[in-house]
Amino acid sequence: MRARSPRVVLLAAVSLAALVLAGCSSAGEDAAGDDGVETVKVGTLRGQPHFYQPFLYADHAVDGVEFEVVTLDTTPALSDALVSGSIDFAVTGVTPTISSISQNRDLRIVASAADGGSGFIGNGETSLAELAGSQIGIVQGSAQEVALRLLIDEAGMTPDDFELTPIPVPEMASAFASGDIDAFMGVEIGVSIAKAAGGTEVIDPYSTPIGRVNIGLVTTGELIEENPELVQRVVDTHAATTAYMADNIEEWLPSMVEEFGGDEEVLTSALENFWLRSDLSDEYVGQLEALAGAMASIGLITSTPTADTIVDTSFAD
């Protein structure tokens, strides 16, 4: 089975998105064409299997909606594009979403998308104590950084016991392989690349109160208020697509590799560290609240948004 390719808009930066698309969001009033079909712009990241749902929405779309996929370079850029109206929805990280909400930006998580994708990788160490004084790579401002700081606290240590070094996501695995860092708390596919090269898991990255929470489907509160029926159709499409992806990796992953490139074996390994989902369970919402509280406690945000300002549970099962 080959997925039909939706229209894809490749943008290098959110500034370009703002110039090209600002004011052109199609899901507001008068969005439907003569045939009654509404076109929705959905943002995501390219070439990563846990962000791939929008590229398959066209095959699972409910009646009355079609999709245009917009790719940006980072999850904070996706938040900016949502706020500017350049896109209508985004499959994006929940951490930058919570950060935006804490700044009174009008965003809401309306479905989950994928859990996991984290790894704490070293060279045979099995505790944080063994890494005291070592240089540990982090993705600054990420859920993985939050989890690492929680793990450090649980171990009775402080961040000052290590050299926490921000490393861009695409460079993390290579920095570890070259010895520039001694370990890292990072994300896929860098985790699988490092493991394939001999890296080992230090401790379970999911053992903190924030669990595996990582990626969600996000839109704006304004769109929810103006067009809840459209939001429901998009969430339904997202749920159907996610269910298909979870059960049929062997069908869509080769198509993704063909379109974007990459090592299929590494990507398959990365997917074993992800849990595709679309629901908004009480446990999931609780983990989002725990994440927001932890972000505030370590100074990533200055105010802690509550669950009802982070999530709208009206649309997802």
Protein backbone atom coordinates (compact mmCIF):
# COMPACT_ATOMS: atom_id res chain seq x y z
CA MET A 1 0.00 0.00 0.00
CA ARG A 2 1.44 3.36 -1.01
CA ALA A 3 0.20 6.49 0.70
CA ARG A 4 -0.92 9.32 -1.51
CA SER A 5 1.35 12.35 -1.13
CA PRO A 6 -0.43 15.49 0.12
CA ARG A 7 0.73 18.89 -0.95
CA VAL A 8 3.87 19.69 0.99
CA VAL A 9 5.17 23.18 1.66
CA LEU A 10 8.84 23.14 2.66
CA LEU A 11 9.86 26.17 4.69
CA ALA A 12 13.32 26.71 6.12
CA ALA A 13 12.36 29.00 8.99
CA VAL A 14 9.32 30.39 10.70
CA SER A 15 10.20 33.89 9.51
CA LEU A 16 9.72 32.68 5.95
CA ALA A 17 6.48 31.02 6.99
CA ALA A 18 5.25 34.29 8.42
CA LEU A 19 6.12 36.16 5.22
CA VAL A 20 4.59 33.62 2.89
CA LEU A 21 1.59 32.37 4.83
CA ALA A 22 0.65 34.92 7.50
CA GLY A 23 -2.96 35.80 7.27
CA CYS A 24 -3.60 32.87 4.91
CA SER A 25 -4.76 30.29 7.43
CA SER A 26 -7.61 28.49 5.72
CA ALA A 27 -9.57 27.02 8.61
CA GLY A 28 -11.36 30.10 9.88
CA GLU A 29 -14.57 31.61 8.61
CA ASP A 30 -15.43 31.09 4.94
CA ALA A 31 -12.78 28.36 4.68
CA ALA A 32 -14.96 25.92 2.75
CA GLY A 33 -14.77 25.99 -1.01
CA ASP A 34 -17.66 25.66 -3.41
CA ASP A 35 -17.65 21.90 -2.82
CA GLY A 36 -17.95 22.37 0.95
CA VAL A 37 -14.46 20.98 1.61
CA GLU A 38 -12.26 22.90 4.05
CA THR A 39 -8.49 22.98 3.54
CA VAL A 40 -6.43 22.74 6.71
CA LYS A 41 -2.72 23.57 7.00
CA VAL A 42 -0.94 21.19 9.37
CA GLY A 43 2.63 21.79 10.50
CA THR A 44 5.17 19.12 11.40
CA LEU A 45 8.86 18.21 11.17
CA ARG A 46 10.21 16.37 8.14
CA GLY A 47 11.90 12.98 8.00
CA GLN A 48 11.01 11.82 11.53
CA PRO A 49 8.65 8.85 11.91
CA HIS A 50 6.99 10.13 15.10
CA PHE A 51 6.02 13.37 13.32
CA TYR A 52 4.81 11.65 10.16
CA GLN A 53 1.05 11.49 10.74
CA PRO A 54 0.17 14.61 8.71
CA PHE A 55 1.74 13.12 5.58
CA LEU A 56 -0.81 10.29 5.77
CA TYR A 57 -3.86 12.34 6.77
CA ALA A 58 -5.04 12.44 3.14
CA ASP A 59 -5.55 8.66 3.18
CA HIS A 60 -7.67 8.76 6.34
CA ALA A 61 -9.42 12.13 6.08
CA VAL A 62 -13.06 12.31 7.10
CA ASP A 63 -15.56 13.93 4.75
CA GLY A 64 -15.35 17.67 4.37
CA VAL A 65 -11.66 18.28 5.02
CA GLU A 66 -8.43 18.13 3.05
CA PHE A 67 -4.90 18.77 4.24
CA GLU A 68 -1.84 20.75 3.24
CA VAL A 69 1.34 19.80 5.11
CA VAL A 70 3.78 22.53 6.13
CA THR A 71 7.21 21.46 7.40
CA LEU A 72 9.33 23.62 9.68
CA ASP A 73 12.71 23.03 11.32
CA THR A 74 11.92 23.04 15.04
CA THR A 75 8.99 22.56 17.40
CA PRO A 76 9.25 26.15 18.76
CA ALA A 77 8.91 27.32 15.15
CA LEU A 78 5.70 25.29 14.89
CA SER A 79 4.35 27.10 17.97
CA ASP A 80 5.20 30.45 16.39
CA ALA A 81 3.47 29.45 13.15
CA LEU A 82 0.31 28.46 15.02
CA VAL A 83 0.22 31.74 16.90
CA SER A 84 0.78 33.76 13.71
CA GLY A 85 -1.99 31.91 11.89
CA SER A 86 0.39 30.52 9.28
CA ILE A 87 -0.83 27.01 10.09
CA ASP A 88 -4.01 25.69 11.69
CA PHE A 89 -2.72 22.60 13.51
CA ALA A 90 0.66 21.11 14.36
CA VAL A 91 2.02 17.76 15.41
CA THR A 92 4.63 19.11 17.80
CA GLY A 93 6.37 18.80 21.14
CA VAL A 94 4.28 19.33 24.24
CA THR A 95 7.15 21.08 26.06
CA PRO A 96 7.38 24.10 23.70
CA THR A 97 3.57 24.13 23.65
CA ILE A 98 3.42 24.42 27.44
CA SER A 99 6.12 27.09 27.30
CA SER A 100 4.02 29.09 24.84
CA ILE A 101 0.86 28.66 26.93
CA SER A 102 2.73 29.92 30.00
CA GLN A 103 3.38 33.11 28.01
CA ASN A 104 -0.38 33.47 27.42
CA ARG A 105 -0.19 32.30 23.82
CA ASP A 106 -3.50 30.87 22.66
CA LEU A 107 -2.58 27.18 22.11
CA ARG A 108 -4.32 23.96 23.17
CA ILE A 109 -3.40 20.28 22.91
CA VAL A 110 -6.41 18.49 21.39
CA ALA A 111 -4.94 14.98 21.03
CA SER A 112 -1.80 13.07 21.84
CA ALA A 113 0.46 11.95 18.98
CA ALA A 114 3.40 9.92 20.30
CA ASP A 115 4.97 9.08 23.63
CA GLY A 116 8.60 8.27 24.26
CA GLY A 117 11.47 8.94 21.89
CA SER A 118 13.91 9.63 24.74
CA GLY A 119 17.13 7.97 25.78
CA PHE A 120 19.83 8.51 28.41
CA ILE A 121 22.90 7.11 26.65
CA GLY A 122 26.37 6.49 28.04
CA ASN A 123 29.28 4.06 27.79
CA GLY A 124 28.31 1.36 30.23
CA GLU A 125 27.41 3.51 33.24
CA THR A 126 24.34 2.39 35.16
CA SER A 127 23.85 5.34 37.53
CA LEU A 128 24.17 9.09 37.63
CA ALA A 129 26.78 8.78 40.38
CA GLU A 130 29.13 7.13 37.86
CA LEU A 131 28.80 10.20 35.64
CA ALA A 132 29.63 12.79 38.33
CA GLY A 133 31.85 15.46 36.80
CA SER A 134 31.13 14.24 33.26
CA GLN A 135 29.92 16.26 30.31
CA ILE A 136 26.31 15.32 29.51
CA GLY A 137 24.63 16.53 26.33
CA ILE A 138 21.10 17.91 26.64
CA VAL A 139 18.43 19.27 24.31
CA GLN A 140 17.91 22.61 26.00
CA GLY A 141 14.33 23.37 27.05
CA SER A 142 13.08 19.91 26.10
CA ALA A 143 11.06 17.29 27.97
CA GLN A 144 14.29 15.28 28.02
CA GLU A 145 16.12 18.04 29.89
CA VAL A 146 13.26 18.22 32.38
CA ALA A 147 13.38 14.44 32.90
CA LEU A 148 17.16 14.50 33.39
CA ARG A 149 16.93 17.24 36.02
CA LEU A 150 14.23 15.26 37.81
CA LEU A 151 16.43 12.15 37.73
CA ILE A 152 19.37 14.15 39.10
CA ASP A 153 17.21 15.41 41.95
CA GLU A 154 15.91 11.91 42.70
CA ALA A 155 19.52 10.70 42.89
CA GLY A 156 20.27 13.27 45.59
CA MET A 157 22.57 15.22 43.29
CA THR A 158 22.43 18.65 41.65
CA PRO A 159 23.03 19.83 38.07
CA ASP A 160 26.29 21.37 39.31
CA ASP A 161 27.61 17.83 39.78
CA PHE A 162 27.78 17.55 35.97
CA GLU A 163 28.64 19.62 32.93
CA LEU A 164 25.24 19.88 31.23
CA THR A 165 26.02 20.89 27.65
CA PRO A 166 23.36 22.01 25.15
CA ILE A 167 23.83 20.22 21.83
CA PRO A 168 21.63 20.62 18.72
CA VAL A 169 19.54 17.50 18.09
CA PRO A 170 21.13 16.63 14.71
CA GLU A 171 24.64 16.79 16.27
CA MET A 172 24.01 14.82 19.47
CA ALA A 173 24.91 11.32 18.26
CA SER A 174 28.04 12.52 16.47
CA ALA A 175 29.19 14.53 19.52
CA PHE A 176 28.83 11.37 21.61
CA ALA A 177 30.62 9.19 19.05
CA SER A 178 33.54 11.63 18.82
CA GLY A 179 33.92 11.84 22.61
CA ASP A 180 33.02 15.51 22.81
CA ILE A 181 30.44 14.51 25.43
CA ASP A 182 30.53 11.56 27.82
CA ALA A 183 26.79 10.84 27.77
CA PHE A 184 23.57 12.46 26.65
CA MET A 185 19.87 12.68 27.42
CA GLY A 186 18.50 13.02 23.93
CA VAL A 187 15.85 12.10 21.41
CA GLU A 188 15.37 9.75 18.52
CA ILE A 189 16.79 9.07 16.03
CA GLY A 190 20.04 10.07 17.72
CA VAL A 191 19.39 7.58 20.52
CA SER A 192 19.16 4.65 18.09
CA ILE A 193 22.21 5.83 16.15
CA ALA A 194 24.24 5.96 19.36
CA LYS A 195 23.02 2.52 20.47
CA ALA A 196 23.92 1.03 17.10
CA ALA A 197 27.45 2.40 17.59
CA GLY A 198 27.79 0.76 21.03
CA GLY A 199 26.16 3.27 23.39
CA THR A 200 24.21 1.89 26.34
CA GLU A 201 21.25 3.12 28.37
CA VAL A 202 22.32 4.62 31.70
CA ILE A 203 18.94 4.64 33.46
CA ASP A 204 15.28 4.60 32.42
CA PRO A 205 14.41 8.05 31.04
CA TYR A 206 10.69 7.43 31.64
CA SER A 207 10.81 6.75 35.37
CA THR A 208 9.94 10.32 36.46
CA PRO A 209 6.44 11.76 37.08
CA ILE A 210 6.33 13.11 33.51
CA GLY A 211 6.54 9.56 32.14
CA ARG A 212 6.81 9.21 28.37
CA VAL A 213 4.82 12.32 27.43
CA ASN A 214 6.35 13.99 24.38
CA ILE A 215 4.29 14.89 21.28
CA GLY A 216 0.73 16.09 20.69
CA LEU A 217 -1.67 17.56 18.17
CA VAL A 218 -2.03 21.29 18.85
CA THR A 219 -4.28 24.07 17.57
CA THR A 220 -5.43 27.46 18.83
CA GLY A 221 -8.17 28.27 21.28
CA GLU A 222 -9.57 30.68 18.70
CA LEU A 223 -10.07 27.93 16.13
CA ILE A 224 -11.67 25.68 18.75
CA GLU A 225 -14.16 28.43 19.54
CA GLU A 226 -14.83 29.45 15.95
CA ASN A 227 -14.99 26.04 14.28
CA PRO A 228 -15.26 23.12 16.73
CA GLU A 229 -16.75 20.89 14.03
CA LEU A 230 -13.60 21.26 11.95
CA VAL A 231 -11.41 20.56 14.98
CA GLN A 232 -13.38 17.35 15.56
CA ARG A 233 -12.90 16.24 11.94
CA VAL A 234 -9.17 16.88 12.15
CA VAL A 235 -8.86 15.00 15.45
CA ASP A 236 -10.85 12.10 13.99
CA THR A 237 -8.54 12.02 10.97
CA HIS A 238 -5.51 12.16 13.26
CA ALA A 239 -6.84 9.28 15.36
CA ALA A 240 -7.53 7.09 12.32
CA THR A 241 -4.12 7.84 10.85
CA THR A 242 -2.32 7.12 14.11
CA ALA A 243 -4.13 3.80 14.53
CA TYR A 244 -3.14 2.81 10.99
CA MET A 245 0.50 3.80 11.55
CA ALA A 246 0.76 1.84 14.79
CA ASP A 247 -0.46 -1.34 13.10
CA ASN A 248 1.19 -1.02 9.69
CA ILE A 249 4.75 0.25 10.12
CA GLU A 250 6.00 -2.03 7.34
CA GLU A 251 3.68 -0.29 4.87
CA TRP A 252 4.37 3.40 5.51
CA LEU A 253 7.96 3.50 6.79
CA PRO A 254 9.56 2.47 3.45
CA SER A 255 7.55 5.23 1.76
CA MET A 256 8.81 7.76 4.29
CA VAL A 257 12.42 6.63 3.77
CA GLU A 258 11.96 6.86 0.00
CA GLU A 259 10.58 10.39 0.28
CA PHE A 260 12.92 11.84 2.89
CA GLY A 261 15.89 9.47 3.05
CA GLY A 262 17.46 7.93 6.14
CA ASP A 263 18.50 4.52 7.37
CA GLU A 264 15.41 2.32 7.52
CA GLU A 265 16.99 -0.01 10.10
CA VAL A 266 17.78 2.90 12.43
CA LEU A 267 14.30 4.37 11.95
CA THR A 268 12.74 0.99 12.73
CA SER A 269 14.78 0.85 15.93
CA ALA A 270 13.66 4.37 16.80
CA LEU A 271 10.00 3.39 16.39
CA GLU A 272 10.48 0.67 19.00
CA ASN A 273 11.15 3.55 21.42
CA PHE A 274 7.91 5.34 20.49
CA TRP A 275 4.30 4.69 21.41
CA LEU A 276 1.97 6.18 18.82
CA ARG A 277 -1.34 7.32 20.31
CA SER A 278 -4.12 9.89 19.91
CA ASP A 279 -6.14 9.68 23.13
CA LEU A 280 -6.16 12.12 26.06
CA SER A 281 -6.35 9.83 29.08
CA ASP A 282 -6.40 11.10 32.65
CA GLU A 283 -2.89 9.71 33.06
CA TYR A 284 -1.67 11.64 30.02
CA VAL A 285 -3.20 14.89 31.23
CA GLY A 286 -1.64 14.29 34.66
CA GLN A 287 1.76 13.86 33.05
CA LEU A 288 1.31 17.14 31.19
CA GLU A 289 0.53 18.86 34.50
CA ALA A 290 3.60 17.26 36.07
CA LEU A 291 5.70 18.44 33.13
CA ALA A 292 4.43 22.01 33.50
CA GLY A 293 5.18 21.96 37.24
CA ALA A 294 8.68 20.58 36.64
CA MET A 295 9.36 23.19 33.95
CA ALA A 296 8.45 25.92 36.44
CA SER A 297 10.53 24.38 39.23
CA ILE A 298 13.73 24.40 37.14
CA GLY A 299 13.10 27.86 35.68
CA LEU A 300 12.13 27.00 32.10
CA ILE A 301 8.85 28.90 32.59
CA THR A 302 7.89 31.56 35.12
CA SER A 303 4.25 30.57 35.64
CA THR A 304 2.63 27.13 35.72
CA PRO A 305 -0.38 26.66 33.43
CA THR A 306 -3.13 24.36 34.69
CA ALA A 307 -4.46 21.33 32.84
CA ASP A 308 -7.55 23.16 31.59
CA THR A 309 -5.35 25.80 29.93
CA ILE A 310 -3.03 23.20 28.37
CA VAL A 311 -5.51 20.62 27.08
CA ASP A 312 -8.97 20.59 25.53
CA THR A 313 -10.31 17.07 26.01
CA SER A 314 -13.53 17.69 24.10
CA PHE A 315 -12.41 16.07 20.85
CA ALA A 316 -10.18 13.04 21.53
CA ASP A 317 -11.29 9.76 23.08
